[in-house]
Amino acid sequence: MKRNILLFAFAALALCFAVSSCEDEPYKFRLTDGVPTVYYVRPVDVASADSLLNSAYMGSSICIVGDNLRSVYKLVFNDQEATLNNSYITDHTLLVDIPNEIPEEVSDLMYLITQKADTVKYDFSVLVPGPSIISMSNEYAPAGSVATLVGDYFVDDPNVPLKLYVSDTEATVKSISKGAVTFVVPDVEEGPVRVTNIYGEATSVFHYKDTRGLLFDFDGVTGLGNHGWHAQVIESDETSLTGNFLRLGGADVTMDEDGGWNDGNFSFEYWPGTWTTPQEYTGDGILLTDLADFSDWQNMALKFELYVPSSNPWMAGSMQLIVAGRDKVTLAGGTDEFGDEVPGANNTFFNGNELPRGLYTPWYPSGSFDTGDEWITVSVPYSNFIYGSDGTAATGSLTASDFTSLTIFVWSGGYTGTECHPIIKMDNIRAVPNK
């Protein structure tokens, strides 16, 4: 009798724990039995909830409306399975992102599959967007070389092949993936890159051999170069892309692990002005705002071609890209042609964390960076000029008048790297639209 009472007590205790567990997680998602029913599909945005959908683009979000939708174990569009998030599934609604992979077999159906493999089909077409272009591996790649165009939805249909044009001249395509196209650069002058395929057409914001907003080419086109305290090396060699280039560092120059101050070898300065009274902004001392229109700087980027040889990788220090107005730095100082009192050459304006700047640190986090003995195009949006010298957020802000000068200094940045002897070659420094 006592044994039966004891067994009953244990059973009651177990039931109590089970009930308690259910009460502790009353909203835990659980698959239901049966099969789902779909009434319609609508946008996720509540403001557009009255719009019904029978198709949507890859990667977009939709809301399926029906009954017993918690019975859905798998959801497949054509032959691509979607990722389900239980937090967005109720008995009557299911929110999901359409898979971003192009289907191999197009059925124009979605398949709602239960855990018991019961399948409900619903007519729904997945639309593939037209191609989009993001960047080119080297915007100054020489004719005959192979370059890579990066973007998305580069679909090559056997009936409507993908085509790529540079300055309206068709290029020979070498390989195609969804996100990249490699091609032979044709012998053409400046112009945009264009891609056409079965789903549409895209034209690049950037130009091949872009001269818009060109600031420094080091070959005399703009006539500008070193214009500050340091005369960095401007040279040409067997690696030259378009003649002369700017070189920072060298095989016999040490960059310590903290990116310590070494402006004599790693700082390029262009500070506008002349040694006249009053100071003028003419000749090789013009304001950079006279070369490029910075009124829409938030939608522009600082671009340049970069070459870091594999023999001398970059492993410490951030490239600080520093813009400043004539209220912060000029060549000679004193009274200028506008009648304003302006400071002369100095290195205090960019110290600390007030003046926002861009930081380019490609060796982090891998610990080492080189360009594989090739030139590449680097793009740093001006909207990312938000850092102080130590890599933390800057306390100040920029305006269009702050782009009259440019200082490029590989120094500090907030990361500890490895002592190295980097060679950093730069060419075709320009301020161009990126949107």
Protein backbone atom coordinates (compact mmCIF):
# COMPACT_ATOMS: atom_id res chain seq x y z
CA MET A 1 0.00 0.00 0.00
CA LYS A 2 2.80 2.37 0.92
CA ARG A 3 4.56 1.45 -2.34
CA ASN A 4 1.44 2.39 -4.36
CA ILE A 5 1.13 5.70 -2.51
CA LEU A 6 4.79 6.43 -3.24
CA LEU A 7 4.36 5.65 -6.97
CA PHE A 8 1.29 7.88 -7.07
CA ALA A 9 3.24 10.69 -5.44
CA PHE A 10 6.05 10.41 -8.01
CA ALA A 11 3.52 10.38 -10.86
CA ALA A 12 1.77 13.43 -9.47
CA LEU A 13 5.10 15.22 -9.07
CA ALA A 14 6.08 14.40 -12.67
CA LEU A 15 2.72 15.68 -13.92
CA CYS A 16 3.22 18.83 -11.89
CA PHE A 17 6.63 19.42 -13.53
CA ALA A 18 5.15 18.78 -16.97
CA VAL A 19 2.33 21.24 -16.37
CA SER A 20 4.76 23.75 -14.89
CA SER A 21 7.05 23.40 -17.91
CA CYS A 22 4.15 24.09 -20.24
CA GLU A 23 3.12 27.09 -18.16
CA ASP A 24 6.72 28.40 -18.20
CA GLU A 25 6.79 28.39 -22.04
CA PRO A 26 3.19 29.01 -23.07
CA TYR A 27 4.24 30.73 -26.33
CA LYS A 28 6.91 28.25 -27.45
CA PHE A 29 6.54 27.44 -31.16
CA ARG A 30 5.23 23.97 -31.90
CA LEU A 31 4.49 22.41 -35.26
CA THR A 32 0.87 21.52 -35.69
CA ASP A 33 -0.68 18.50 -37.39
CA GLY A 34 -2.62 18.58 -40.62
CA VAL A 35 -1.85 20.57 -43.74
CA PRO A 36 -1.73 24.33 -44.36
CA THR A 37 -4.13 26.37 -46.45
CA VAL A 38 -3.03 29.47 -48.34
CA TYR A 39 -5.57 32.21 -49.05
CA TYR A 40 -3.26 34.83 -50.53
CA VAL A 41 0.19 36.44 -50.37
CA ARG A 42 0.74 40.11 -49.50
CA PRO A 43 3.65 42.48 -48.77
CA VAL A 44 5.05 42.49 -45.25
CA ASP A 45 4.57 46.25 -44.95
CA VAL A 46 1.28 46.79 -43.13
CA ALA A 47 0.65 49.95 -45.14
CA SER A 48 0.57 47.79 -48.28
CA ALA A 49 -1.33 44.90 -46.73
CA ASP A 50 -4.25 45.35 -49.13
CA SER A 51 -2.01 44.60 -52.12
CA LEU A 52 -2.06 40.96 -53.17
CA LEU A 53 0.99 39.34 -54.73
CA ASN A 54 1.33 36.54 -57.23
CA SER A 55 5.05 37.24 -57.74
CA ALA A 56 7.97 38.96 -56.02
CA TYR A 57 11.70 39.47 -56.52
CA MET A 58 14.41 37.25 -55.11
CA GLY A 59 15.48 38.40 -51.65
CA SER A 60 12.26 40.29 -50.94
CA SER A 61 10.04 39.66 -47.91
CA ILE A 62 6.45 38.44 -48.21
CA CYS A 63 3.60 37.49 -45.89
CA ILE A 64 1.64 34.30 -46.59
CA VAL A 65 -1.91 34.43 -45.21
CA GLY A 66 -3.92 31.27 -44.57
CA ASP A 67 -4.82 28.67 -41.95
CA ASN A 68 -2.74 26.16 -39.98
CA LEU A 69 0.50 27.72 -41.20
CA ARG A 70 2.31 26.43 -38.11
CA SER A 71 2.19 23.04 -39.80
CA VAL A 72 4.72 24.25 -42.42
CA TYR A 73 8.03 22.45 -41.88
CA LYS A 74 9.68 23.46 -45.16
CA LEU A 75 8.91 26.15 -47.71
CA VAL A 76 10.34 25.90 -51.24
CA PHE A 77 10.15 28.40 -54.11
CA ASN A 78 10.72 26.64 -57.43
CA ASP A 79 13.66 24.46 -56.34
CA GLN A 80 15.13 26.80 -53.68
CA GLU A 81 14.36 26.24 -50.01
CA ALA A 82 13.61 29.32 -47.89
CA THR A 83 14.85 29.86 -44.34
CA LEU A 84 11.97 29.79 -41.87
CA ASN A 85 12.00 31.79 -38.64
CA ASN A 86 9.54 30.38 -36.11
CA SER A 87 9.22 33.82 -34.53
CA TYR A 88 7.44 34.99 -37.67
CA ILE A 89 4.99 32.12 -38.03
CA THR A 90 1.47 32.00 -36.57
CA ASP A 91 -1.55 29.90 -37.44
CA HIS A 92 -2.69 32.51 -39.96
CA THR A 93 0.45 34.34 -41.17
CA LEU A 94 3.95 33.32 -42.24
CA LEU A 95 6.61 35.94 -42.94
CA VAL A 96 9.54 34.80 -45.07
CA ASP A 97 12.34 36.08 -47.33
CA ILE A 98 12.32 34.63 -50.83
CA PRO A 99 15.61 32.76 -51.44
CA ASN A 100 18.28 34.87 -53.12
CA GLU A 101 19.57 32.04 -55.32
CA ILE A 102 18.51 31.78 -58.95
CA PRO A 103 16.45 28.59 -59.46
CA GLU A 104 17.71 25.94 -61.84
CA GLU A 105 14.21 24.61 -62.49
CA VAL A 106 11.38 27.14 -62.69
CA SER A 107 7.93 25.82 -61.79
CA ASP A 108 6.39 29.15 -60.71
CA LEU A 109 5.13 27.41 -57.59
CA MET A 110 5.75 27.58 -53.89
CA TYR A 111 5.65 24.32 -51.96
CA LEU A 112 4.49 24.23 -48.34
CA ILE A 113 5.70 20.95 -46.87
CA THR A 114 4.71 19.48 -43.50
CA GLN A 115 6.86 17.34 -41.23
CA LYS A 116 5.03 14.28 -42.60
CA ALA A 117 6.01 15.38 -46.14
CA ASP A 118 2.47 16.37 -47.12
CA THR A 119 2.85 19.11 -49.76
CA VAL A 120 0.59 21.99 -50.66
CA LYS A 121 1.32 23.82 -53.94
CA TYR A 122 0.51 27.48 -54.52
CA ASP A 123 1.00 29.50 -57.74
CA PHE A 124 3.72 32.06 -57.15
CA SER A 125 6.47 33.39 -59.44
CA VAL A 126 9.91 34.42 -58.27
CA LEU A 127 11.24 37.34 -60.29
CA VAL A 128 14.96 37.69 -60.99
CA PRO A 129 16.19 41.32 -60.83
CA GLY A 130 18.21 42.83 -63.62
CA PRO A 131 22.00 42.96 -63.20
CA SER A 132 23.63 45.42 -60.80
CA ILE A 133 27.20 46.72 -60.87
CA ILE A 134 29.18 47.48 -57.72
CA SER A 135 32.86 47.79 -58.63
CA MET A 136 35.67 46.92 -61.01
CA SER A 137 38.89 45.32 -59.82
CA ASN A 138 41.03 47.96 -61.55
CA GLU A 139 39.29 50.92 -63.17
CA TYR A 140 42.52 51.79 -64.99
CA ALA A 141 43.31 48.26 -66.16
CA PRO A 142 45.33 48.38 -69.40
CA ALA A 143 43.79 47.22 -72.65
CA GLY A 144 44.23 43.49 -73.17
CA SER A 145 44.43 42.67 -69.47
CA VAL A 146 41.76 40.68 -67.63
CA ALA A 147 39.63 42.57 -65.11
CA THR A 148 36.76 41.57 -62.84
CA LEU A 149 33.41 43.30 -62.57
CA VAL A 150 31.68 42.76 -59.22
CA GLY A 151 27.93 43.02 -58.77
CA ASP A 152 24.90 40.76 -58.68
CA TYR A 153 22.45 38.87 -60.88
CA PHE A 154 24.91 38.37 -63.72
CA VAL A 155 22.72 35.71 -65.32
CA ASP A 156 23.90 34.19 -68.59
CA ASP A 157 20.94 32.67 -70.40
CA PRO A 158 21.83 30.36 -73.33
CA ASN A 159 19.20 32.05 -75.48
CA VAL A 160 20.09 35.60 -74.39
CA PRO A 161 23.80 35.65 -73.46
CA LEU A 162 25.15 38.22 -71.03
CA LYS A 163 27.10 41.02 -72.73
CA LEU A 164 29.50 43.53 -71.24
CA TYR A 165 30.47 46.88 -72.74
CA VAL A 166 33.22 49.33 -71.79
CA SER A 167 32.68 52.83 -73.21
CA ASP A 168 30.07 51.25 -75.52
CA THR A 169 32.61 48.77 -76.91
CA GLU A 170 31.76 45.10 -76.35
CA ALA A 171 34.33 43.23 -74.28
CA THR A 172 35.21 39.55 -74.47
CA VAL A 173 33.74 37.77 -71.44
CA LYS A 174 35.93 35.09 -69.89
CA SER A 175 33.78 33.77 -67.04
CA ILE A 176 30.45 34.52 -65.36
CA SER A 177 29.06 33.87 -61.91
CA LYS A 178 26.07 35.43 -60.18
CA GLY A 179 28.28 38.02 -58.49
CA ALA A 180 31.23 38.53 -60.85
CA VAL A 181 32.22 38.69 -64.52
CA THR A 182 35.81 38.47 -65.73
CA PHE A 183 36.54 40.05 -69.10
CA VAL A 184 39.28 41.25 -71.41
CA VAL A 185 39.57 45.05 -71.26
CA PRO A 186 39.09 46.54 -74.74
CA ASP A 187 41.25 49.34 -76.10
CA VAL A 188 38.95 52.28 -75.38
CA GLU A 189 38.93 55.69 -73.73
CA GLU A 190 37.06 56.83 -70.63
CA GLY A 191 33.48 55.72 -70.15
CA PRO A 192 31.08 53.67 -68.02
CA VAL A 193 30.76 49.88 -67.96
CA ARG A 194 27.44 48.40 -69.04
CA VAL A 195 26.00 44.89 -68.66
CA THR A 196 22.95 43.47 -70.43
CA ASN A 197 21.27 40.10 -69.95
CA ILE A 198 17.87 38.45 -70.22
CA TYR A 199 16.62 40.27 -67.12
CA GLY A 200 17.70 43.82 -67.93
CA GLU A 201 20.59 46.25 -68.12
CA ALA A 202 22.88 48.08 -65.69
CA THR A 203 25.35 50.92 -66.16
CA SER A 204 28.14 51.64 -63.69
CA VAL A 205 28.29 54.85 -61.66
CA PHE A 206 32.07 54.75 -62.06
CA HIS A 207 33.91 55.27 -65.32
CA TYR A 208 36.71 53.22 -66.78
CA LYS A 209 39.79 55.52 -66.76
CA ASP A 210 37.74 58.00 -64.74
CA THR A 211 39.03 61.58 -64.96
CA ARG A 212 36.05 63.22 -63.29
CA GLY A 213 37.23 64.90 -60.11
CA LEU A 214 40.83 63.89 -60.79
CA LEU A 215 43.06 65.45 -58.12
CA PHE A 216 46.47 63.80 -58.51
CA ASP A 217 47.66 61.77 -61.48
CA PHE A 218 51.40 62.58 -60.95
CA ASP A 219 51.86 62.89 -64.72
CA GLY A 220 51.02 66.56 -65.13
CA VAL A 221 47.33 66.40 -66.05
CA THR A 222 46.33 68.37 -62.96
CA GLY A 223 49.84 69.61 -62.23
CA LEU A 224 49.49 68.85 -58.51
CA GLY A 225 51.75 66.78 -56.27
CA ASN A 226 53.63 67.22 -53.01
CA HIS A 227 52.63 70.58 -51.51
CA GLY A 228 53.41 70.53 -47.81
CA TRP A 229 56.26 69.63 -45.51
CA HIS A 230 57.33 66.37 -47.13
CA ALA A 231 58.42 65.51 -50.65
CA GLN A 232 57.35 61.91 -50.96
CA VAL A 233 58.72 59.81 -53.80
CA ILE A 234 56.97 60.26 -57.15
CA GLU A 235 58.43 57.78 -59.62
CA SER A 236 57.78 55.23 -62.34
CA ASP A 237 59.08 51.69 -62.75
CA GLU A 238 58.20 48.38 -64.39
CA THR A 239 55.02 48.20 -62.30
CA SER A 240 53.70 51.58 -63.47
CA LEU A 241 50.03 51.69 -64.37
CA THR A 242 49.78 55.08 -66.10
CA GLY A 243 53.25 56.57 -65.73
CA ASN A 244 54.31 58.15 -62.45
CA PHE A 245 52.85 57.15 -59.10
CA LEU A 246 53.21 58.22 -55.47
CA ARG A 247 55.17 55.87 -53.21
CA LEU A 248 54.90 55.74 -49.42
CA GLY A 249 57.36 53.64 -47.40
CA GLY A 250 60.06 51.45 -48.88
CA ALA A 251 62.04 48.27 -48.45
CA ASP A 252 64.42 50.05 -46.06
CA VAL A 253 61.69 51.92 -44.15
CA THR A 254 60.25 50.44 -40.95
CA MET A 255 56.63 50.73 -39.87
CA ASP A 256 56.40 49.68 -36.22
CA GLU A 257 53.60 47.49 -34.91
CA ASP A 258 51.60 50.45 -33.57
CA GLY A 259 51.85 52.47 -36.78
CA GLY A 260 54.05 55.01 -35.03
CA TRP A 261 54.54 58.56 -36.30
CA ASN A 262 56.84 58.56 -39.33
CA ASP A 263 55.60 61.42 -41.49
CA GLY A 264 58.91 61.70 -43.29
CA ASN A 265 58.21 58.39 -45.07
CA PHE A 266 54.47 57.88 -44.83
CA SER A 267 52.78 61.29 -45.15
CA PHE A 268 51.70 62.91 -48.43
CA GLU A 269 50.41 66.45 -48.01
CA TYR A 270 48.60 68.74 -50.37
CA TRP A 271 48.02 72.02 -48.55
CA PRO A 272 46.83 74.81 -50.87
CA GLY A 273 48.32 78.26 -51.15
CA THR A 274 51.31 80.24 -52.44
CA TRP A 275 54.18 82.22 -50.92
CA THR A 276 52.55 85.52 -51.84
CA THR A 277 51.05 88.34 -49.82
CA PRO A 278 48.17 87.97 -49.65
CA GLN A 279 48.32 84.18 -50.07
CA GLU A 280 46.69 83.07 -53.31
CA TYR A 281 45.27 79.73 -54.47
CA THR A 282 46.67 79.46 -57.97
CA GLY A 283 48.97 77.23 -60.01
CA ASP A 284 50.21 74.25 -58.05
CA GLY A 285 48.53 75.64 -54.91
CA ILE A 286 44.89 75.77 -55.99
CA LEU A 287 42.05 74.72 -53.74
CA LEU A 288 41.00 71.11 -54.42
CA THR A 289 37.43 72.38 -54.47
CA ASP A 290 38.38 74.09 -57.74
CA LEU A 291 39.12 70.68 -59.28
CA ALA A 292 36.12 68.72 -58.00
CA ASP A 293 32.60 69.67 -56.96
CA PHE A 294 32.12 68.55 -53.36
CA SER A 295 28.64 70.01 -52.87
CA ASP A 296 27.22 66.46 -52.81
CA TRP A 297 30.17 64.91 -50.97
CA GLN A 298 27.98 62.50 -48.97
CA ASN A 299 27.33 60.66 -52.25
CA MET A 300 30.95 60.68 -53.38
CA ALA A 301 34.07 58.63 -52.67
CA LEU A 302 37.81 59.13 -52.63
CA LYS A 303 39.23 56.62 -55.12
CA PHE A 304 42.72 55.63 -56.16
CA GLU A 305 44.65 52.75 -57.65
CA LEU A 306 46.85 50.86 -55.20
CA TYR A 307 49.82 48.51 -55.54
CA VAL A 308 51.36 46.77 -52.52
CA PRO A 309 53.93 44.18 -53.65
CA SER A 310 53.86 40.72 -52.10
CA SER A 311 57.54 41.17 -51.23
CA ASN A 312 56.71 44.05 -48.86
CA PRO A 313 53.25 43.53 -47.37
CA TRP A 314 51.45 46.11 -45.25
CA MET A 315 50.94 44.86 -41.68
CA ALA A 316 50.59 47.91 -39.40
CA GLY A 317 49.19 51.44 -39.36
CA SER A 318 46.02 52.82 -40.91
CA MET A 319 46.00 54.98 -44.01
CA GLN A 320 44.40 58.14 -42.67
CA LEU A 321 42.62 60.04 -45.44
CA ILE A 322 42.30 63.56 -44.09
CA VAL A 323 40.42 66.46 -45.67
CA ALA A 324 40.43 69.95 -44.18
CA GLY A 325 39.35 73.45 -45.17
CA ARG A 326 41.58 76.50 -45.47
CA ASP A 327 40.46 77.48 -41.97
CA LYS A 328 42.59 74.55 -40.73
CA VAL A 329 45.59 74.39 -43.05
CA THR A 330 47.19 76.24 -45.98
CA LEU A 331 50.76 76.42 -47.23
CA ALA A 332 51.82 79.89 -46.07
CA GLY A 333 49.10 81.17 -43.76
CA GLY A 334 48.48 84.84 -43.03
CA THR A 335 45.89 86.77 -44.98
CA ASP A 336 44.60 85.02 -48.08
CA GLU A 337 43.06 86.27 -51.30
CA PHE A 338 39.62 86.20 -49.71
CA GLY A 339 40.77 88.54 -46.93
CA ASP A 340 40.61 85.80 -44.29
CA GLU A 341 43.26 85.06 -41.70
CA VAL A 342 44.22 81.41 -42.22
CA PRO A 343 46.73 79.08 -40.57
CA GLY A 344 49.82 77.96 -42.41
CA ALA A 345 51.37 74.50 -42.68
CA ASN A 346 50.86 72.52 -39.48
CA ASN A 347 50.24 69.01 -38.22
CA THR A 348 48.00 69.90 -35.31
CA PHE A 349 44.75 70.13 -37.26
CA PHE A 350 44.53 66.36 -37.78
CA ASN A 351 45.81 65.27 -34.37
CA GLY A 352 43.21 63.93 -31.97
CA ASN A 353 39.65 62.91 -32.68
CA GLU A 354 37.83 66.09 -33.63
CA LEU A 355 38.43 66.23 -37.39
CA PRO A 356 36.62 63.34 -39.15
CA ARG A 357 38.64 61.30 -41.60
CA GLY A 358 38.55 58.02 -43.48
CA LEU A 359 40.64 55.09 -42.26
CA TYR A 360 41.76 52.42 -44.70
CA THR A 361 43.24 49.39 -42.92
CA PRO A 362 43.10 46.45 -45.36
CA TRP A 363 45.59 44.30 -43.40
CA TYR A 364 43.16 44.01 -40.49
CA PRO A 365 41.99 41.46 -39.36
CA SER A 366 44.03 38.96 -41.43
CA GLY A 367 47.27 40.60 -40.25
CA SER A 368 48.83 41.17 -43.68
CA PHE A 369 47.86 42.76 -46.97
CA ASP A 370 49.28 42.98 -50.46
CA THR A 371 47.66 43.36 -53.88
CA GLY A 372 49.19 40.25 -55.41
CA ASP A 373 51.63 42.29 -57.49
CA GLU A 374 48.76 43.91 -59.34
CA TRP A 375 47.05 47.29 -59.25
CA ILE A 376 43.60 47.43 -57.69
CA THR A 377 41.05 50.21 -57.31
CA VAL A 378 40.28 51.35 -53.76
CA SER A 379 37.11 53.28 -52.96
CA VAL A 380 36.49 54.97 -49.59
CA PRO A 381 33.10 56.73 -49.42
CA TYR A 382 33.25 60.20 -47.91
CA SER A 383 30.24 59.19 -45.83
CA ASN A 384 32.69 56.89 -44.00
CA PHE A 385 34.92 59.81 -43.02
CA ILE A 386 33.74 59.55 -39.42
CA TYR A 387 36.85 58.53 -37.44
CA GLY A 388 39.39 60.22 -35.25
CA SER A 389 43.10 59.47 -35.42
CA ASP A 390 42.88 56.54 -32.98
CA GLY A 391 40.02 54.83 -34.80
CA THR A 392 37.27 55.95 -32.45
CA ALA A 393 34.38 58.13 -33.57
CA ALA A 394 35.30 61.72 -34.42
CA THR A 395 33.62 64.45 -32.42
CA GLY A 396 33.42 66.96 -35.28
CA SER A 397 31.64 66.95 -38.64
CA LEU A 398 32.46 67.79 -42.25
CA THR A 399 30.96 70.30 -44.67
CA ALA A 400 31.57 70.89 -48.38
CA SER A 401 34.11 73.62 -47.53
CA ASP A 402 36.38 71.08 -45.79
CA PHE A 403 37.70 69.54 -49.03
CA THR A 404 40.27 72.15 -50.05
CA SER A 405 43.24 70.02 -48.92
CA LEU A 406 44.20 66.36 -48.66
CA THR A 407 46.62 64.63 -46.31
CA ILE A 408 47.36 60.91 -46.65
CA PHE A 409 49.25 59.62 -43.62
CA VAL A 410 49.81 55.95 -42.71
CA TRP A 411 49.79 56.23 -38.95
CA SER A 412 48.00 54.95 -35.83
CA GLY A 413 44.33 54.04 -36.41
CA GLY A 414 43.69 52.02 -33.29
CA TYR A 415 45.02 48.61 -34.34
CA THR A 416 48.21 46.83 -33.32
CA GLY A 417 49.86 44.97 -36.16
CA THR A 418 53.31 43.62 -36.95
CA GLU A 419 56.50 45.52 -37.65
CA CYS A 420 56.95 45.64 -41.42
CA HIS A 421 58.60 47.40 -44.36
CA PRO A 422 55.61 48.19 -46.58
CA ILE A 423 55.76 49.65 -50.06
CA ILE A 424 52.52 51.48 -50.86
CA LYS A 425 52.09 52.82 -54.40
CA MET A 426 49.15 55.08 -55.26
CA ASP A 427 47.95 56.64 -58.52
CA ASN A 428 44.99 58.53 -60.02
CA ILE A 429 43.64 59.96 -56.76
CA ARG A 430 40.16 61.28 -57.49
CA ALA A 431 36.89 62.43 -55.93
CA VAL A 432 33.96 60.91 -57.82
CA PRO A 433 30.26 60.04 -57.43
CA ASN A 434 29.57 56.65 -55.89
CA LYS A 435 25.77 56.72 -56.05
